[in-house]
Amino acid sequence: MSFLGRLGAMLALLVVAAVVAGCGETVLDTTKTEEQLQASLSKSLNEKVSSVDCPSNQEVVAGATFTCSVKLSSGETRTATLKIRNEDADVSVIHLSGTGQQGQ
């Protein structure tokens, strides 16, 4: 698959369950976000993603962005920028950076 094809596939929508937290705020389910991002990127990059680390307690606010660290099986580390699309916690990958960086 070409780079542009992979990029298009990467921008696919992730549906992530939200968890209601105290003080009236709703936060993303970090575990589900990481699992779905790992599966989506493994498929779109045609390379196994060995781990994903997203921030915990990410409040669900439509339009907000946040980043997750992505480690590929090759040892490369990348940063995925995700955008919360709506109050239903639909999330999409809007950018993937760090091509070629080797993790420690």
C-alpha atoms as a PDB file:
ATOM      1  CA  MET A   1       0.000   0.000   0.000  1.00  0.00           C
ATOM      2  CA  SER A   2       1.326   3.471  -0.834  1.00  0.00           C
ATOM      3  CA  PHE A   3       2.142   6.019   1.851  1.00  0.00           C
ATOM      4  CA  LEU A   4      -0.914   8.100   0.913  1.00  0.00           C
ATOM      5  CA  GLY A   5      -3.118   5.012   1.087  1.00  0.00           C
ATOM      6  CA  ARG A   6      -1.776   4.182   4.539  1.00  0.00           C
ATOM      7  CA  LEU A   7      -2.263   7.770   5.647  1.00  0.00           C
ATOM      8  CA  GLY A   8      -5.883   7.666   4.504  1.00  0.00           C
ATOM      9  CA  ALA A   9      -6.453   4.417   6.347  1.00  0.00           C
ATOM     10  CA  MET A  10      -4.782   5.883   9.425  1.00  0.00           C
ATOM     11  CA  LEU A  11      -7.292   8.697   9.542  1.00  0.00           C
ATOM     12  CA  ALA A  12     -10.059   6.198  10.103  1.00  0.00           C
ATOM     13  CA  LEU A  13     -12.457   6.901  12.891  1.00  0.00           C
ATOM     14  CA  LEU A  14     -11.933   5.107  16.174  1.00  0.00           C
ATOM     15  CA  VAL A  15     -14.981   4.668  18.357  1.00  0.00           C
ATOM     16  CA  VAL A  16     -13.899   4.756  21.959  1.00  0.00           C
ATOM     17  CA  ALA A  17     -16.069   4.199  24.987  1.00  0.00           C
ATOM     18  CA  ALA A  18     -16.246   7.049  27.436  1.00  0.00           C
ATOM     19  CA  VAL A  19     -16.191   6.564  31.167  1.00  0.00           C
ATOM     20  CA  VAL A  20     -17.986   8.914  33.519  1.00  0.00           C
ATOM     21  CA  ALA A  21     -15.628  10.233  36.163  1.00  0.00           C
ATOM     22  CA  GLY A  22     -16.238  12.221  39.314  1.00  0.00           C
ATOM     23  CA  CYS A  23     -16.995  15.952  39.353  1.00  0.00           C
ATOM     24  CA  GLY A  24     -19.311  15.668  36.351  1.00  0.00           C
ATOM     25  CA  GLU A  25     -16.592  15.200  33.723  1.00  0.00           C
ATOM     26  CA  THR A  26     -16.473  12.352  31.229  1.00  0.00           C
ATOM     27  CA  VAL A  27     -13.126  10.822  30.329  1.00  0.00           C
ATOM     28  CA  LEU A  28     -11.977   8.442  27.602  1.00  0.00           C
ATOM     29  CA  ASP A  29     -11.476   4.792  28.441  1.00  0.00           C
ATOM     30  CA  THR A  30      -7.670   4.772  28.100  1.00  0.00           C
ATOM     31  CA  THR A  31      -7.383   0.994  27.764  1.00  0.00           C
ATOM     32  CA  LYS A  32      -9.926   0.828  24.928  1.00  0.00           C
ATOM     33  CA  THR A  33      -8.372   3.846  23.214  1.00  0.00           C
ATOM     34  CA  GLU A  34      -4.931   2.203  23.295  1.00  0.00           C
ATOM     35  CA  GLU A  35      -6.254  -1.184  22.121  1.00  0.00           C
ATOM     36  CA  GLN A  36      -8.198   0.303  19.218  1.00  0.00           C
ATOM     37  CA  LEU A  37      -5.337   2.575  18.174  1.00  0.00           C
ATOM     38  CA  GLN A  38      -2.918  -0.371  18.282  1.00  0.00           C
ATOM     39  CA  ALA A  39      -5.187  -2.488  16.064  1.00  0.00           C
ATOM     40  CA  SER A  40      -5.945   0.354  13.652  1.00  0.00           C
ATOM     41  CA  LEU A  41      -2.314   1.388  13.187  1.00  0.00           C
ATOM     42  CA  SER A  42      -1.080  -2.208  12.877  1.00  0.00           C
ATOM     43  CA  LYS A  43      -3.490  -2.655   9.985  1.00  0.00           C
ATOM     44  CA  SER A  44      -2.897   0.702   8.271  1.00  0.00           C
ATOM     45  CA  LEU A  45       0.900   0.639   8.644  1.00  0.00           C
ATOM     46  CA  ASN A  46       1.113  -3.038   7.730  1.00  0.00           C
ATOM     47  CA  GLU A  47       3.479  -3.453  10.686  1.00  0.00           C
ATOM     48  CA  LYS A  48       2.857  -4.754  14.180  1.00  0.00           C
ATOM     49  CA  VAL A  49       2.422  -2.099  16.833  1.00  0.00           C
ATOM     50  CA  SER A  50       3.917  -3.532  20.021  1.00  0.00           C
ATOM     51  CA  SER A  51       2.521  -0.932  22.425  1.00  0.00           C
ATOM     52  CA  VAL A  52       0.536   2.286  22.693  1.00  0.00           C
ATOM     53  CA  ASP A  53       0.593   4.677  25.634  1.00  0.00           C
ATOM     54  CA  CYS A  54      -2.117   7.337  25.869  1.00  0.00           C
ATOM     55  CA  PRO A  55      -2.719   9.799  28.703  1.00  0.00           C
ATOM     56  CA  SER A  56      -5.143   8.719  31.386  1.00  0.00           C
ATOM     57  CA  ASN A  57      -8.077  10.882  32.452  1.00  0.00           C
ATOM     58  CA  GLN A  58      -8.383  12.498  28.999  1.00  0.00           C
ATOM     59  CA  GLU A  59     -11.570  14.531  29.272  1.00  0.00           C
ATOM     60  CA  VAL A  60     -14.087  14.130  26.443  1.00  0.00           C
ATOM     61  CA  VAL A  61     -14.327  17.583  24.861  1.00  0.00           C
ATOM     62  CA  ALA A  62     -15.334  17.794  21.199  1.00  0.00           C
ATOM     63  CA  GLY A  63     -12.452  19.213  19.144  1.00  0.00           C
ATOM     64  CA  ALA A  64      -9.770  18.527  21.754  1.00  0.00           C
ATOM     65  CA  THR A  65      -6.559  16.833  20.651  1.00  0.00           C
ATOM     66  CA  PHE A  66      -4.081  14.692  22.560  1.00  0.00           C
ATOM     67  CA  THR A  67      -1.073  12.527  21.743  1.00  0.00           C
ATOM     68  CA  CYS A  68      -0.217   8.892  22.306  1.00  0.00           C
ATOM     69  CA  SER A  69       3.191   7.238  22.100  1.00  0.00           C
ATOM     70  CA  VAL A  70       3.279   4.338  19.630  1.00  0.00           C
ATOM     71  CA  LYS A  71       6.037   1.723  19.631  1.00  0.00           C
ATOM     72  CA  LEU A  72       6.419  -0.476  16.547  1.00  0.00           C
ATOM     73  CA  SER A  73       7.791  -4.017  16.625  1.00  0.00           C
ATOM     74  CA  SER A  74      10.829  -2.720  14.712  1.00  0.00           C
ATOM     75  CA  GLY A  75      11.706  -0.553  17.717  1.00  0.00           C
ATOM     76  CA  GLU A  76      10.623   2.713  16.106  1.00  0.00           C
ATOM     77  CA  THR A  77       8.690   5.115  18.317  1.00  0.00           C
ATOM     78  CA  ARG A  78       6.072   7.393  16.803  1.00  0.00           C
ATOM     79  CA  THR A  79       3.634   9.943  18.147  1.00  0.00           C
ATOM     80  CA  ALA A  80      -0.025   9.737  17.147  1.00  0.00           C
ATOM     81  CA  THR A  81      -2.130  12.871  17.473  1.00  0.00           C
ATOM     82  CA  LEU A  82      -5.796  12.091  18.041  1.00  0.00           C
ATOM     83  CA  LYS A  83      -8.823  14.366  17.906  1.00  0.00           C
ATOM     84  CA  ILE A  84     -12.008  13.891  19.902  1.00  0.00           C
ATOM     85  CA  ARG A  85     -14.719  14.383  17.283  1.00  0.00           C
ATOM     86  CA  ASN A  86     -17.797  14.643  19.512  1.00  0.00           C
ATOM     87  CA  GLU A  87     -19.282  14.137  22.969  1.00  0.00           C
ATOM     88  CA  ASP A  88     -19.807  10.437  22.140  1.00  0.00           C
ATOM     89  CA  ALA A  89     -16.013   9.997  22.374  1.00  0.00           C
ATOM     90  CA  ASP A  90     -15.497   9.230  18.686  1.00  0.00           C
ATOM     91  CA  VAL A  91     -11.777   9.710  18.108  1.00  0.00           C
ATOM     92  CA  SER A  92      -9.736   9.921  14.918  1.00  0.00           C
ATOM     93  CA  VAL A  93      -6.019   9.913  14.206  1.00  0.00           C
ATOM     94  CA  ILE A  94      -5.143  13.218  12.596  1.00  0.00           C
ATOM     95  CA  HIS A  95      -1.348  12.894  12.459  1.00  0.00           C
ATOM     96  CA  LEU A  96       1.381  10.318  12.939  1.00  0.00           C
ATOM     97  CA  SER A  97       4.926  11.598  13.373  1.00  0.00           C
ATOM     98  CA  GLY A  98       8.301  10.215  14.256  1.00  0.00           C
ATOM     99  CA  THR A  99       9.026   8.092  11.191  1.00  0.00           C
ATOM    100  CA  GLY A 100      12.430   6.513  11.535  1.00  0.00           C
ATOM    101  CA  GLN A 101      13.053   7.245  15.215  1.00  0.00           C
ATOM    102  CA  GLN A 102      14.459   4.257  17.079  1.00  0.00           C
ATOM    103  CA  GLY A 103      13.199   3.706  20.620  1.00  0.00           C
ATOM    104  CA  GLN A 104      15.441   2.868  23.538  1.00  0.00           C
END
